[in-house]
């Protein structure tokens, strides 16, 4: 048979049960608090990760826009460069590819290239070493116009009538334009040298053409 439990033993068991219940309740509260802290930390980590993802997406979008802008600018500058050096157009091929590991902002570099192309693209003055060639242009222009004038005078004398009066006048006008005709080949030469046919080169051409024309008219008399 079971022995009867004394009141003292029963009270001790109740106190023990109360203590155990209190400890369990405290541990449960501690566990709940820890769980809530872990959930809050996880939510903060998720929010930070989402913010980092959004920043990374914005940076990626900006980087792609910058890449497209740089590539378009590079193609344009490369076309301008090939236009400056047409003789090397077949050898240059396409624009250079990006260099691995390159750092720095490409926009200042592109601005420097644009400035360099602008400065190299500006036509310069013809050097004094080409004066003989410019003078030759003036002489050739004078000779050509004088020859045309001679042909016109000869034709007028041959046909007679009104042509005998009009063609000599036309021949004289053409001959007098001789000093200016030399400016045409001189301009072509200057364009090939990517230079300006300024006052000094024009004076050389016109002076040589005028001197040649005067000599030819003097000899013809």
Protein backbone atom coordinates (compact mmCIF):
# COMPACT_ATOMS: atom_id res chain seq x y z
CA UNK A 1 0.00 0.00 0.00
CA UNK A 2 1.09 3.55 -0.65
CA UNK A 3 2.27 5.50 2.29
CA UNK A 4 0.36 8.66 3.03
CA UNK A 5 2.14 11.89 2.15
CA UNK A 6 2.69 14.28 4.97
CA UNK A 7 1.69 17.88 4.72
CA UNK A 8 5.32 18.96 4.91
CA UNK A 9 6.26 16.75 1.95
CA UNK A 10 3.34 17.99 -0.06
CA UNK A 11 4.19 21.61 0.58
CA UNK A 12 7.81 20.95 -0.42
CA UNK A 13 6.66 19.35 -3.66
CA UNK A 14 4.44 22.31 -4.42
CA UNK A 15 7.27 24.72 -3.80
CA UNK A 16 9.55 22.63 -6.00
CA UNK A 17 6.93 22.58 -8.74
CA UNK A 18 6.50 26.33 -8.45
CA UNK A 19 10.26 26.82 -8.71
CA UNK A 20 10.44 24.58 -11.75
CA UNK A 21 7.52 26.42 -13.34
CA UNK A 22 9.21 29.76 -12.70
CA UNK A 23 12.49 28.57 -14.15
CA UNK A 24 10.74 27.15 -17.20
CA UNK A 25 8.83 30.40 -17.63
CA UNK A 26 12.09 32.39 -17.36
CA UNK A 27 13.83 30.12 -19.84
CA UNK A 28 10.84 30.40 -22.18
CA UNK A 29 10.92 34.19 -21.92
CA UNK A 30 14.66 34.16 -22.52
CA UNK A 31 14.19 31.93 -25.55
CA UNK A 32 11.45 34.16 -26.89
CA UNK A 33 13.62 37.22 -26.34
CA UNK A 34 16.57 35.56 -28.10
CA UNK A 35 14.29 34.49 -30.96
CA UNK A 36 12.92 38.00 -31.36
CA UNK A 37 16.45 39.42 -31.31
CA UNK A 38 17.54 36.92 -33.95
CA UNK A 39 14.53 37.73 -36.09
CA UNK A 40 15.21 41.47 -35.75
CA UNK A 41 18.86 40.92 -36.67
CA UNK A 42 17.80 38.81 -39.64
CA UNK A 43 15.34 41.49 -40.75
CA UNK A 44 18.04 44.16 -40.46
CA UNK A 45 20.46 41.97 -42.42
CA UNK A 46 17.84 41.38 -45.12
CA UNK A 47 17.06 45.11 -45.30
CA UNK A 48 20.76 45.96 -45.54
CA UNK A 49 21.23 43.30 -48.21
CA UNK A 50 18.27 44.64 -50.20
CA UNK A 51 19.67 48.17 -49.90
CA UNK A 52 23.06 46.95 -51.08
CA UNK A 53 21.38 45.17 -53.99
CA UNK A 54 19.52 48.34 -54.96
CA UNK A 55 22.74 50.39 -54.74
CA UNK A 56 24.55 47.76 -56.79
CA UNK A 57 21.78 47.84 -59.42
CA UNK A 58 21.98 51.65 -59.61
CA UNK A 59 25.76 51.50 -59.88
CA UNK A 60 25.50 48.79 -62.55
CA UNK A 61 22.98 50.86 -64.51
CA UNK A 62 25.21 53.95 -64.27
CA UNK A 63 28.23 51.89 -65.27
CA UNK A 64 26.41 50.53 -68.32
CA UNK A 65 25.32 54.03 -69.34
CA UNK A 66 28.89 55.25 -68.91
CA UNK A 67 30.20 52.31 -70.91
CA UNK A 68 27.78 52.97 -73.76
CA UNK A 69 28.68 56.67 -73.71
CA UNK A 70 32.41 55.94 -73.68
CA UNK A 71 32.13 53.37 -76.48
CA UNK A 72 30.13 55.77 -78.65
CA UNK A 73 32.64 58.56 -77.95
CA UNK A 74 35.55 56.23 -78.74
CA UNK A 75 33.99 55.23 -82.07
CA UNK A 76 33.43 58.89 -82.98
CA UNK A 77 36.97 59.90 -82.01
CA UNK A 78 38.38 56.92 -83.89
CA UNK A 79 36.52 57.94 -87.03
CA UNK A 80 37.89 61.46 -86.68
CA UNK A 81 41.38 60.06 -86.21
CA UNK A 82 41.07 57.90 -89.32
CA UNK A 83 39.82 60.96 -91.19
CA UNK A 84 42.96 62.85 -90.14
CA UNK A 85 45.26 60.07 -91.35
CA UNK A 86 43.61 58.60 -94.41
CA UNK A 87 46.86 56.97 -95.54
CA UNK A 88 46.80 54.73 -92.47
CA UNK A 89 43.06 54.00 -92.63
CA UNK A 90 43.48 50.39 -93.76
CA UNK A 91 46.10 49.63 -91.14
CA UNK A 92 44.32 51.13 -88.17
CA UNK A 93 41.31 48.81 -88.24
CA UNK A 94 38.76 49.24 -85.48
CA UNK A 95 39.07 51.21 -82.25
CA UNK A 96 41.25 49.73 -79.48
CA UNK A 97 39.66 47.41 -76.96
CA UNK A 98 39.50 48.24 -73.22
CA UNK A 99 42.61 47.33 -71.26
CA UNK A 100 42.11 44.86 -68.42
CA UNK A 101 42.76 46.33 -65.03
CA UNK A 102 42.58 49.93 -66.25
CA UNK A 103 41.43 52.37 -63.58
CA UNK A 104 40.39 55.97 -63.52
CA UNK A 105 37.61 58.11 -64.94
CA UNK A 106 37.54 57.74 -68.75
CA UNK A 107 35.74 61.06 -69.32
CA UNK A 108 38.79 63.30 -68.68
CA UNK A 109 40.83 61.01 -70.93
CA UNK A 110 38.27 61.34 -73.72
CA UNK A 111 38.21 65.12 -73.23
CA UNK A 112 42.00 65.18 -73.60
CA UNK A 113 41.74 63.14 -76.82
CA UNK A 114 39.08 65.49 -78.20
CA UNK A 115 41.28 68.48 -77.41
CA UNK A 116 44.27 66.82 -79.07
CA UNK A 117 42.27 65.99 -82.20
CA UNK A 118 40.90 69.53 -82.30
CA UNK A 119 44.41 70.97 -82.14
CA UNK A 120 45.82 68.56 -84.72
CA UNK A 121 42.78 69.09 -86.94
CA UNK A 122 43.33 72.82 -87.25
CA UNK A 123 45.04 73.60 -90.54
CA UNK A 124 48.41 75.29 -90.25
CA UNK A 125 50.41 77.63 -92.44
CA UNK A 126 52.36 76.36 -95.41
CA UNK A 127 56.07 76.43 -94.62
CA UNK A 128 58.45 78.66 -96.56
CA UNK A 129 60.15 75.58 -98.01
CA UNK A 130 57.22 75.11 -100.43
CA UNK A 131 57.55 78.60 -101.95
CA UNK A 132 59.26 77.25 -105.10
CA UNK A 133 56.34 74.89 -105.64
CA UNK A 134 53.86 77.69 -105.09
CA UNK A 135 55.76 79.86 -107.55
CA UNK A 136 55.63 76.98 -110.03
CA UNK A 137 51.84 76.92 -109.65
CA UNK A 138 51.74 80.62 -110.54
CA UNK A 139 54.03 80.09 -113.54
CA UNK A 140 52.02 77.13 -114.80
CA UNK A 141 48.75 79.06 -114.43
CA UNK A 142 50.17 81.98 -116.38
CA UNK A 143 51.51 79.68 -119.12
CA UNK A 144 48.20 77.84 -119.45
CA UNK A 145 46.13 81.01 -119.70
CA UNK A 146 48.62 82.57 -122.10
CA UNK A 147 48.43 79.47 -124.29
CA UNK A 148 44.62 79.62 -124.24
CA UNK A 149 44.78 83.32 -125.12
CA UNK A 150 47.12 82.58 -128.02
CA UNK A 151 44.74 79.91 -129.30
CA UNK A 152 41.83 82.35 -129.05
CA UNK A 153 43.71 85.08 -130.95
CA UNK A 154 44.77 82.64 -133.64
CA UNK A 155 41.21 81.38 -133.99
CA UNK A 156 39.93 84.95 -134.28
CA UNK A 157 42.42 85.75 -137.00
CA UNK A 158 41.49 82.56 -138.83
CA UNK A 159 37.71 82.98 -138.71
CA UNK A 160 37.64 86.76 -139.24
CA UNK A 161 34.48 88.81 -138.91
CA UNK A 162 33.15 89.45 -135.42
CA UNK A 163 35.32 86.67 -134.03
CA UNK A 164 38.41 88.54 -135.20
CA UNK A 165 37.37 91.35 -132.82
CA UNK A 166 35.84 89.38 -129.93
CA UNK A 167 38.33 86.55 -129.56
CA UNK A 168 41.42 88.76 -129.11
CA UNK A 169 39.58 90.65 -126.34
CA UNK A 170 38.67 87.33 -124.74
CA UNK A 171 42.26 86.19 -125.16
CA UNK A 172 43.52 89.30 -123.36
CA UNK A 173 41.08 88.76 -120.47
CA UNK A 174 42.10 85.12 -120.13
CA UNK A 175 45.77 86.06 -120.22
CA UNK A 176 45.33 88.69 -117.53
CA UNK A 177 43.63 86.08 -115.33
CA UNK A 178 46.77 83.95 -115.51
CA UNK A 179 48.25 85.09 -112.18
CA UNK A 180 45.02 84.05 -110.42
CA UNK A 181 44.62 80.68 -112.12
CA UNK A 182 47.69 79.40 -110.31
CA UNK A 183 45.77 79.70 -107.05
CA UNK A 184 43.68 76.67 -108.04
CA UNK A 185 46.50 74.07 -107.97
CA UNK A 186 48.03 75.90 -105.02
CA UNK A 187 44.77 75.49 -103.08
CA UNK A 188 44.67 71.78 -103.95
CA UNK A 189 48.25 71.43 -102.75
CA UNK A 190 47.46 73.24 -99.49
CA UNK A 191 44.43 71.03 -98.87
CA UNK A 192 46.53 67.92 -99.34
CA UNK A 193 48.99 69.28 -96.79
CA UNK A 194 46.07 70.14 -94.49
CA UNK A 195 47.21 73.75 -94.47
CA UNK A 196 45.75 77.18 -95.13
CA UNK A 197 46.52 79.05 -98.32
CA UNK A 198 47.20 82.27 -96.47
CA UNK A 199 48.24 85.70 -97.69
CA UNK A 200 51.96 84.82 -98.00
CA UNK A 201 51.45 81.70 -100.18
CA UNK A 202 48.85 83.55 -102.26
CA UNK A 203 51.27 86.43 -102.77
CA UNK A 204 53.96 83.98 -103.94
CA UNK A 205 51.58 82.35 -106.44
CA UNK A 206 50.12 85.59 -107.76
CA UNK A 207 53.52 87.29 -107.89
CA UNK A 208 55.08 84.44 -109.88
CA UNK A 209 52.07 84.31 -112.21
CA UNK A 210 52.06 88.06 -112.72
CA UNK A 211 55.79 88.13 -113.46
CA UNK A 212 55.40 85.28 -115.93
CA UNK A 213 52.45 86.97 -117.65
CA UNK A 214 54.36 90.27 -117.97
CA UNK A 215 57.38 88.46 -119.43
CA UNK A 216 55.23 86.56 -121.91
CA UNK A 217 53.44 89.72 -123.05
CA UNK A 218 56.75 91.53 -123.32
CA UNK A 219 58.32 88.76 -125.41
CA UNK A 220 55.20 88.55 -127.60
CA UNK A 221 55.61 92.19 -128.59
